[in-house]
Amino acid sequence: MAIPYRCPNCKTNRSRFNFIQQVPAYMKIHPETGEIIEEYTSENLEAYHFKYSGPQYKLQCGTCGSIGEEQSFAAFGSMNQP
C-alpha cells in the first residue's frame, strides 16, 4: 500500500522526495592518525562494537532539503488529506 508523504518543514511538498539509504560501514580507526585499522561486517563485530540500529533509510524533501525519518513525513502526509 502506498503512503502519502508531506514535508513537515516546508508543509507544501507532497511529491518530490529523496530516499537516503543508511548503510553502515563498521571500522576501527587509529585514535591519533584517523587511519582505518580494520573494517568489519555486521557478522564479525567485536564484542564492544555496537551494531547499527538506526532507520534503514531517511527521506529528504526535494523542495526545501529537510531530512528526517519516514514516520514524520508519513504522519504529516496523512494529516488534512485533500
N, C-alpha and C. Protein backbone atom coordinates (compact mmCIF):
# COMPACT_ATOMS: atom_id res chain seq x y z
N MET A 1 0.83 -1.18 0.00
CA MET A 1 0.00 0.00 0.00
C MET A 1 0.88 1.24 0.00
N ALA A 2 0.55 2.21 -0.80
CA ALA A 2 1.31 3.45 -0.90
C ALA A 2 0.99 4.35 0.30
N ILE A 3 1.99 5.10 0.72
CA ILE A 3 1.84 6.01 1.85
C ILE A 3 1.99 7.44 1.34
N PRO A 4 1.04 8.33 1.64
CA PRO A 4 1.21 9.72 1.24
C PRO A 4 2.20 10.42 2.17
N TYR A 5 3.10 11.19 1.59
CA TYR A 5 4.08 11.96 2.36
C TYR A 5 3.83 13.44 2.18
N ARG A 6 4.22 14.22 3.17
CA ARG A 6 4.25 15.67 3.05
C ARG A 6 5.37 16.17 3.94
N CYS A 7 6.12 17.14 3.48
CA CYS A 7 7.25 17.65 4.25
C CYS A 7 6.76 18.40 5.48
N PRO A 8 7.23 18.00 6.68
CA PRO A 8 6.82 18.69 7.90
C PRO A 8 7.50 20.05 8.06
N ASN A 9 8.51 20.33 7.23
CA ASN A 9 9.23 21.60 7.33
C ASN A 9 8.60 22.68 6.44
N CYS A 10 8.55 22.44 5.13
CA CYS A 10 8.00 23.45 4.23
C CYS A 10 6.48 23.33 4.10
N LYS A 11 5.92 22.21 4.49
CA LYS A 11 4.47 21.96 4.56
C LYS A 11 3.74 22.00 3.22
N THR A 12 4.47 22.09 2.11
CA THR A 12 3.80 22.15 0.80
C THR A 12 4.13 20.96 -0.08
N ASN A 13 5.34 20.46 0.01
CA ASN A 13 5.78 19.39 -0.88
C ASN A 13 5.08 18.08 -0.55
N ARG A 14 4.44 17.48 -1.55
CA ARG A 14 3.81 16.17 -1.41
C ARG A 14 4.30 15.18 -2.46
N SER A 15 5.20 15.61 -3.35
CA SER A 15 5.55 14.72 -4.47
C SER A 15 7.03 14.56 -4.76
N ARG A 16 7.92 15.38 -4.22
CA ARG A 16 9.34 15.29 -4.55
C ARG A 16 10.15 14.93 -3.30
N PHE A 17 10.65 13.70 -3.29
CA PHE A 17 11.42 13.24 -2.13
C PHE A 17 12.61 12.42 -2.57
N ASN A 18 13.66 12.44 -1.77
CA ASN A 18 14.84 11.61 -1.98
C ASN A 18 14.90 10.59 -0.85
N PHE A 19 15.03 9.32 -1.20
CA PHE A 19 15.19 8.27 -0.20
C PHE A 19 16.68 8.06 0.00
N ILE A 20 17.15 8.21 1.22
CA ILE A 20 18.57 8.09 1.54
C ILE A 20 18.76 6.79 2.31
N GLN A 21 19.48 5.84 1.69
CA GLN A 21 19.73 4.57 2.36
C GLN A 21 20.81 4.74 3.42
N GLN A 22 20.56 4.18 4.57
CA GLN A 22 21.51 4.19 5.67
C GLN A 22 22.27 2.86 5.63
N VAL A 23 23.50 2.89 5.12
CA VAL A 23 24.31 1.68 5.03
C VAL A 23 25.53 1.88 5.92
N PRO A 24 25.55 1.23 7.08
CA PRO A 24 26.67 1.43 7.99
C PRO A 24 27.95 0.76 7.49
N ALA A 25 29.07 1.43 7.75
CA ALA A 25 30.39 0.87 7.48
C ALA A 25 31.08 0.75 8.84
N TYR A 26 31.29 -0.48 9.27
CA TYR A 26 31.88 -0.73 10.58
C TYR A 26 33.40 -0.74 10.43
N MET A 27 34.08 0.06 11.26
CA MET A 27 35.53 0.09 11.18
C MET A 27 36.15 0.49 12.51
N LYS A 28 37.43 0.17 12.62
CA LYS A 28 38.22 0.57 13.78
C LYS A 28 39.23 1.58 13.24
N ILE A 29 39.31 2.75 13.90
CA ILE A 29 40.16 3.84 13.42
C ILE A 29 41.24 4.14 14.45
N HIS A 30 42.44 4.40 13.96
CA HIS A 30 43.55 4.77 14.84
C HIS A 30 43.21 6.11 15.50
N PRO A 31 43.27 6.20 16.85
CA PRO A 31 42.82 7.40 17.54
C PRO A 31 43.65 8.65 17.28
N GLU A 32 44.90 8.51 16.89
CA GLU A 32 45.76 9.68 16.69
C GLU A 32 45.86 10.10 15.22
N THR A 33 45.86 9.13 14.31
CA THR A 33 46.05 9.47 12.90
C THR A 33 44.74 9.47 12.11
N GLY A 34 43.73 8.78 12.62
CA GLY A 34 42.48 8.67 11.89
C GLY A 34 42.50 7.62 10.79
N GLU A 35 43.61 6.90 10.69
CA GLU A 35 43.75 5.85 9.67
C GLU A 35 42.88 4.65 10.04
N ILE A 36 42.27 4.05 9.02
CA ILE A 36 41.45 2.86 9.24
C ILE A 36 42.36 1.68 9.53
N ILE A 37 42.17 1.08 10.70
CA ILE A 37 42.98 -0.06 11.11
C ILE A 37 42.35 -1.36 10.64
N GLU A 38 41.04 -1.46 10.81
CA GLU A 38 40.34 -2.69 10.47
C GLU A 38 38.90 -2.37 10.08
N GLU A 39 38.38 -3.12 9.11
CA GLU A 39 36.98 -3.00 8.71
C GLU A 39 36.26 -4.28 9.09
N TYR A 40 35.00 -4.14 9.47
CA TYR A 40 34.19 -5.28 9.92
C TYR A 40 32.93 -5.39 9.08
N THR A 41 32.30 -6.55 9.16
CA THR A 41 30.96 -6.72 8.64
C THR A 41 30.05 -6.82 9.86
N SER A 42 28.75 -6.76 9.67
CA SER A 42 27.85 -6.84 10.82
C SER A 42 27.92 -8.21 11.50
N GLU A 43 28.42 -9.22 10.79
CA GLU A 43 28.53 -10.56 11.37
C GLU A 43 29.78 -10.76 12.22
N ASN A 44 30.85 -9.98 11.96
CA ASN A 44 32.09 -10.22 12.70
C ASN A 44 32.51 -9.03 13.56
N LEU A 45 31.55 -8.31 14.12
CA LEU A 45 31.87 -7.20 15.00
C LEU A 45 32.50 -7.70 16.30
N GLU A 46 33.40 -6.89 16.85
CA GLU A 46 33.98 -7.23 18.14
C GLU A 46 32.92 -7.05 19.23
N ALA A 47 33.16 -7.63 20.38
CA ALA A 47 32.17 -7.64 21.46
C ALA A 47 31.76 -6.23 21.90
N TYR A 48 32.65 -5.27 21.87
CA TYR A 48 32.36 -3.92 22.34
C TYR A 48 31.97 -2.96 21.21
N HIS A 49 31.78 -3.47 20.01
CA HIS A 49 31.39 -2.63 18.86
C HIS A 49 29.90 -2.83 18.61
N PHE A 50 29.10 -1.79 18.88
CA PHE A 50 27.65 -1.89 18.72
C PHE A 50 27.26 -1.97 17.25
N LYS A 51 26.26 -2.77 16.99
CA LYS A 51 25.70 -2.89 15.65
C LYS A 51 24.76 -1.71 15.41
N TYR A 52 24.75 -1.15 14.20
CA TYR A 52 23.89 -0.02 13.87
C TYR A 52 22.43 -0.41 14.04
N SER A 53 21.67 0.43 14.73
CA SER A 53 20.27 0.10 14.98
C SER A 53 19.33 1.23 14.56
N GLY A 54 19.83 2.15 13.74
CA GLY A 54 19.01 3.26 13.28
C GLY A 54 18.10 2.86 12.12
N PRO A 55 17.41 3.83 11.54
CA PRO A 55 16.49 3.52 10.45
C PRO A 55 17.23 3.06 9.19
N GLN A 56 16.56 2.23 8.40
CA GLN A 56 17.17 1.71 7.17
C GLN A 56 17.34 2.83 6.14
N TYR A 57 16.42 3.77 6.13
CA TYR A 57 16.57 4.92 5.25
C TYR A 57 15.87 6.13 5.83
N LYS A 58 16.24 7.30 5.33
CA LYS A 58 15.60 8.56 5.70
C LYS A 58 15.07 9.20 4.43
N LEU A 59 14.23 10.21 4.61
CA LEU A 59 13.68 10.95 3.49
C LEU A 59 14.22 12.36 3.50
N GLN A 60 14.42 12.89 2.30
CA GLN A 60 14.80 14.30 2.15
C GLN A 60 13.76 14.96 1.27
N CYS A 61 13.29 16.11 1.68
CA CYS A 61 12.33 16.86 0.88
C CYS A 61 13.05 17.38 -0.37
N GLY A 62 12.47 17.13 -1.52
CA GLY A 62 13.06 17.59 -2.78
C GLY A 62 12.83 19.06 -3.04
N THR A 63 12.08 19.73 -2.17
CA THR A 63 11.82 21.16 -2.34
C THR A 63 12.68 22.01 -1.41
N CYS A 64 12.66 21.71 -0.11
CA CYS A 64 13.40 22.55 0.84
C CYS A 64 14.69 21.90 1.35
N GLY A 65 14.87 20.58 1.11
CA GLY A 65 16.10 19.90 1.53
C GLY A 65 16.08 19.34 2.93
N SER A 66 14.99 19.49 3.65
CA SER A 66 14.88 18.98 5.01
C SER A 66 15.00 17.45 5.02
N ILE A 67 15.75 16.91 5.99
CA ILE A 67 15.95 15.46 6.10
C ILE A 67 15.34 14.99 7.42
N GLY A 68 14.62 13.87 7.35
CA GLY A 68 14.01 13.33 8.55
C GLY A 68 13.63 11.87 8.37
N GLU A 69 13.03 11.31 9.40
CA GLU A 69 12.62 9.91 9.34
C GLU A 69 11.30 9.79 8.61
N GLU A 70 11.09 8.63 8.01
CA GLU A 70 9.90 8.38 7.20
C GLU A 70 8.62 8.62 7.99
N GLN A 71 8.59 8.23 9.28
CA GLN A 71 7.39 8.36 10.08
C GLN A 71 6.92 9.82 10.15
N SER A 72 7.85 10.76 10.23
CA SER A 72 7.49 12.18 10.29
C SER A 72 6.80 12.63 9.02
N PHE A 73 7.37 12.24 7.87
CA PHE A 73 6.79 12.63 6.58
C PHE A 73 5.45 11.94 6.37
N ALA A 74 5.34 10.67 6.79
CA ALA A 74 4.09 9.92 6.63
C ALA A 74 3.00 10.47 7.55
N ALA A 75 3.35 10.78 8.78
CA ALA A 75 2.37 11.31 9.73
C ALA A 75 1.85 12.66 9.24
N PHE A 76 2.74 13.50 8.76
CA PHE A 76 2.31 14.80 8.27
C PHE A 76 1.52 14.66 6.98
N GLY A 77 1.84 13.65 6.16
CA GLY A 77 1.13 13.43 4.92
C GLY A 77 -0.27 12.92 5.13
N SER A 78 -0.52 12.22 6.23
CA SER A 78 -1.85 11.68 6.48
C SER A 78 -2.77 12.71 7.14
N MET A 79 -2.19 13.79 7.65
CA MET A 79 -3.00 14.86 8.27
C MET A 79 -3.61 15.74 7.18
N ASN A 80 -4.84 16.12 7.35
CA ASN A 80 -5.52 17.06 6.46
C ASN A 80 -5.42 16.68 4.98
N GLN A 81 -5.69 15.43 4.70
CA GLN A 81 -5.65 14.97 3.30
C GLN A 81 -6.71 15.70 2.50
N PRO A 82 -6.37 16.14 1.26
CA PRO A 82 -7.36 16.83 0.44
C PRO A 82 -8.47 15.91 -0.03
